[in-house]
Amino acid sequence: MLFDEELNVAGQRCPLPVLKARKRLKALAPGAILRVFADDPLAAIDIPALCTEDGHELVGQRAQDKGWQFFIRKG
């Protein structure tokens, strides 16, 4: 999947992945896609919740060997 920005929050635990994703999304233009890589198990719950709360669209989510990839379209 194509994306405009990338954020790697591997090694960081809740709530840092969500806080950093929110900050990065604020800087993006509407419609831009942010790819987030996280290895915190709670990210699988927290990142989709961030999208719902802040009006963004989770356009992709993939489990990988060592974490998760999320593709978020800024609302």
N, C-alpha and C. Protein backbone atom coordinates (compact mmCIF):
# COMPACT_ATOMS: atom_id res chain seq x y z
N MET A 1 0.84 -1.17 0.00
CA MET A 1 0.00 0.00 0.00
C MET A 1 0.89 1.24 0.00
N LEU A 2 0.50 2.22 -0.77
CA LEU A 2 1.25 3.48 -0.83
C LEU A 2 0.90 4.36 0.36
N PHE A 3 1.87 5.14 0.81
CA PHE A 3 1.64 6.05 1.94
C PHE A 3 2.48 7.30 1.75
N ASP A 4 2.09 8.36 2.45
CA ASP A 4 2.75 9.66 2.33
C ASP A 4 3.80 9.88 3.41
N GLU A 5 3.56 9.38 4.60
CA GLU A 5 4.47 9.54 5.73
C GLU A 5 4.58 8.21 6.46
N GLU A 6 5.66 8.07 7.20
CA GLU A 6 5.89 6.83 7.95
C GLU A 6 6.27 7.18 9.38
N LEU A 7 5.76 6.41 10.32
CA LEU A 7 6.08 6.59 11.73
C LEU A 7 6.39 5.23 12.33
N ASN A 8 7.60 5.08 12.85
CA ASN A 8 8.02 3.83 13.49
C ASN A 8 8.05 4.07 14.99
N VAL A 9 7.15 3.41 15.70
CA VAL A 9 7.10 3.54 17.15
C VAL A 9 7.42 2.20 17.82
N ALA A 10 8.19 1.38 17.15
CA ALA A 10 8.62 0.10 17.72
C ALA A 10 9.42 0.37 18.99
N GLY A 11 9.16 -0.45 20.00
CA GLY A 11 9.85 -0.32 21.27
C GLY A 11 9.19 0.65 22.23
N GLN A 12 8.15 1.32 21.79
CA GLN A 12 7.45 2.28 22.65
C GLN A 12 6.12 1.67 23.09
N ARG A 13 5.77 1.91 24.32
CA ARG A 13 4.57 1.32 24.90
C ARG A 13 3.47 2.35 25.08
N CYS A 14 2.28 1.85 25.23
CA CYS A 14 1.08 2.66 25.43
C CYS A 14 1.34 3.67 26.56
N PRO A 15 1.00 4.92 26.34
CA PRO A 15 0.21 5.50 25.27
C PRO A 15 1.03 6.16 24.16
N LEU A 16 2.36 5.99 24.18
CA LEU A 16 3.21 6.72 23.23
C LEU A 16 2.90 6.46 21.76
N PRO A 17 2.64 5.24 21.30
CA PRO A 17 2.33 5.06 19.88
C PRO A 17 1.13 5.91 19.41
N VAL A 18 0.08 5.96 20.22
CA VAL A 18 -1.10 6.74 19.85
C VAL A 18 -0.80 8.24 19.89
N LEU A 19 -0.11 8.68 20.92
CA LEU A 19 0.20 10.11 21.04
C LEU A 19 1.07 10.59 19.88
N LYS A 20 2.06 9.79 19.51
CA LYS A 20 2.94 10.17 18.40
C LYS A 20 2.21 10.10 17.06
N ALA A 21 1.33 9.12 16.88
CA ALA A 21 0.55 9.03 15.65
C ALA A 21 -0.38 10.24 15.53
N ARG A 22 -1.01 10.60 16.61
CA ARG A 22 -1.92 11.77 16.61
C ARG A 22 -1.15 13.04 16.24
N LYS A 23 0.03 13.21 16.82
CA LYS A 23 0.84 14.40 16.53
C LYS A 23 1.26 14.43 15.06
N ARG A 24 1.67 13.29 14.53
CA ARG A 24 2.09 13.23 13.13
C ARG A 24 0.92 13.48 12.20
N LEU A 25 -0.25 12.93 12.52
CA LEU A 25 -1.44 13.13 11.69
C LEU A 25 -1.85 14.60 11.64
N LYS A 26 -1.69 15.32 12.73
CA LYS A 26 -2.06 16.75 12.75
C LYS A 26 -1.27 17.54 11.72
N ALA A 27 -0.05 17.11 11.44
CA ALA A 27 0.82 17.84 10.50
C ALA A 27 0.53 17.49 9.04
N LEU A 28 -0.27 16.46 8.79
CA LEU A 28 -0.54 16.02 7.43
C LEU A 28 -1.76 16.72 6.83
N ALA A 29 -1.78 16.77 5.51
CA ALA A 29 -2.94 17.32 4.79
C ALA A 29 -4.07 16.28 4.82
N PRO A 30 -5.33 16.74 4.82
CA PRO A 30 -6.45 15.79 4.75
C PRO A 30 -6.31 14.86 3.54
N GLY A 31 -6.57 13.59 3.77
CA GLY A 31 -6.46 12.59 2.71
C GLY A 31 -5.11 11.90 2.64
N ALA A 32 -4.10 12.47 3.30
CA ALA A 32 -2.77 11.85 3.30
C ALA A 32 -2.82 10.56 4.11
N ILE A 33 -1.94 9.63 3.76
CA ILE A 33 -1.90 8.33 4.44
C ILE A 33 -0.61 8.22 5.26
N LEU A 34 -0.79 7.88 6.52
CA LEU A 34 0.32 7.66 7.45
C LEU A 34 0.45 6.16 7.69
N ARG A 35 1.66 5.65 7.49
CA ARG A 35 1.95 4.25 7.84
C ARG A 35 2.60 4.25 9.21
N VAL A 36 2.03 3.48 10.13
CA VAL A 36 2.56 3.37 11.49
C VAL A 36 2.99 1.94 11.71
N PHE A 37 4.23 1.77 12.21
CA PHE A 37 4.68 0.44 12.64
C PHE A 37 4.81 0.46 14.15
N ALA A 38 4.15 -0.48 14.82
CA ALA A 38 4.19 -0.57 16.28
C ALA A 38 4.33 -2.03 16.69
N ASP A 39 5.03 -2.25 17.80
CA ASP A 39 5.14 -3.61 18.32
C ASP A 39 4.50 -3.78 19.69
N ASP A 40 3.85 -2.74 20.18
CA ASP A 40 3.10 -2.83 21.43
C ASP A 40 1.80 -3.59 21.14
N PRO A 41 1.53 -4.69 21.85
CA PRO A 41 0.31 -5.46 21.59
C PRO A 41 -0.97 -4.64 21.70
N LEU A 42 -0.98 -3.62 22.53
CA LEU A 42 -2.18 -2.79 22.69
C LEU A 42 -2.43 -1.88 21.49
N ALA A 43 -1.45 -1.72 20.63
CA ALA A 43 -1.63 -0.88 19.45
C ALA A 43 -2.73 -1.43 18.55
N ALA A 44 -2.94 -2.73 18.54
CA ALA A 44 -3.99 -3.34 17.72
C ALA A 44 -5.38 -2.87 18.15
N ILE A 45 -5.50 -2.39 19.38
CA ILE A 45 -6.75 -1.84 19.89
C ILE A 45 -6.72 -0.31 19.84
N ASP A 46 -5.59 0.24 20.25
CA ASP A 46 -5.49 1.70 20.43
C ASP A 46 -5.47 2.48 19.13
N ILE A 47 -4.79 2.00 18.10
CA ILE A 47 -4.71 2.74 16.84
C ILE A 47 -6.08 2.80 16.15
N PRO A 48 -6.82 1.69 16.04
CA PRO A 48 -8.17 1.80 15.47
C PRO A 48 -9.07 2.73 16.29
N ALA A 49 -8.92 2.72 17.62
CA ALA A 49 -9.71 3.61 18.46
C ALA A 49 -9.35 5.07 18.19
N LEU A 50 -8.08 5.36 18.00
CA LEU A 50 -7.63 6.71 17.65
C LEU A 50 -8.33 7.18 16.37
N CYS A 51 -8.37 6.32 15.37
CA CYS A 51 -9.00 6.67 14.10
C CYS A 51 -10.48 7.01 14.29
N THR A 52 -11.17 6.20 15.06
CA THR A 52 -12.59 6.43 15.31
C THR A 52 -12.80 7.73 16.07
N GLU A 53 -12.03 7.95 17.11
CA GLU A 53 -12.19 9.14 17.95
C GLU A 53 -11.85 10.43 17.21
N ASP A 54 -10.82 10.39 16.36
CA ASP A 54 -10.33 11.62 15.73
C ASP A 54 -10.84 11.82 14.31
N GLY A 55 -11.67 10.89 13.80
CA GLY A 55 -12.26 11.07 12.49
C GLY A 55 -11.35 10.70 11.32
N HIS A 56 -10.41 9.79 11.55
CA HIS A 56 -9.53 9.30 10.49
C HIS A 56 -10.05 7.94 10.01
N GLU A 57 -9.55 7.49 8.88
CA GLU A 57 -9.96 6.20 8.34
C GLU A 57 -8.80 5.21 8.41
N LEU A 58 -9.02 4.08 9.05
CA LEU A 58 -8.03 3.01 9.07
C LEU A 58 -8.21 2.22 7.78
N VAL A 59 -7.32 2.43 6.82
CA VAL A 59 -7.49 1.81 5.50
C VAL A 59 -6.75 0.48 5.39
N GLY A 60 -5.93 0.15 6.38
CA GLY A 60 -5.23 -1.12 6.36
C GLY A 60 -4.60 -1.42 7.70
N GLN A 61 -4.57 -2.70 8.04
CA GLN A 61 -3.94 -3.15 9.28
C GLN A 61 -3.39 -4.54 9.01
N ARG A 62 -2.11 -4.73 9.28
CA ARG A 62 -1.47 -6.02 9.01
C ARG A 62 -0.60 -6.45 10.19
N ALA A 63 -0.75 -7.70 10.58
CA ALA A 63 0.16 -8.27 11.58
C ALA A 63 1.44 -8.68 10.87
N GLN A 64 2.55 -8.42 11.50
CA GLN A 64 3.85 -8.85 11.00
C GLN A 64 4.51 -9.71 12.06
N ASP A 65 5.67 -10.26 11.72
CA ASP A 65 6.39 -11.11 12.68
C ASP A 65 6.64 -10.40 14.00
N LYS A 66 6.99 -9.13 13.94
CA LYS A 66 7.39 -8.43 15.15
C LYS A 66 6.52 -7.22 15.46
N GLY A 67 5.29 -7.22 15.00
CA GLY A 67 4.43 -6.09 15.31
C GLY A 67 3.29 -5.93 14.33
N TRP A 68 2.83 -4.69 14.20
CA TRP A 68 1.69 -4.35 13.36
C TRP A 68 2.03 -3.19 12.45
N GLN A 69 1.42 -3.20 11.28
CA GLN A 69 1.44 -2.04 10.37
C GLN A 69 0.02 -1.51 10.29
N PHE A 70 -0.10 -0.21 10.40
CA PHE A 70 -1.40 0.46 10.27
C PHE A 70 -1.28 1.52 9.17
N PHE A 71 -2.29 1.62 8.34
CA PHE A 71 -2.35 2.66 7.31
C PHE A 71 -3.56 3.52 7.61
N ILE A 72 -3.30 4.79 7.93
CA ILE A 72 -4.35 5.70 8.39
C ILE A 72 -4.48 6.84 7.40
N ARG A 73 -5.69 7.05 6.88
CA ARG A 73 -5.97 8.21 6.02
C ARG A 73 -6.51 9.32 6.90
N LYS A 74 -5.83 10.46 6.86
CA LYS A 74 -6.24 11.59 7.69
C LYS A 74 -7.61 12.10 7.25
N GLY A 75 -8.49 12.29 8.24
CA GLY A 75 -9.83 12.79 7.99
C GLY A 75 -9.88 14.30 7.93
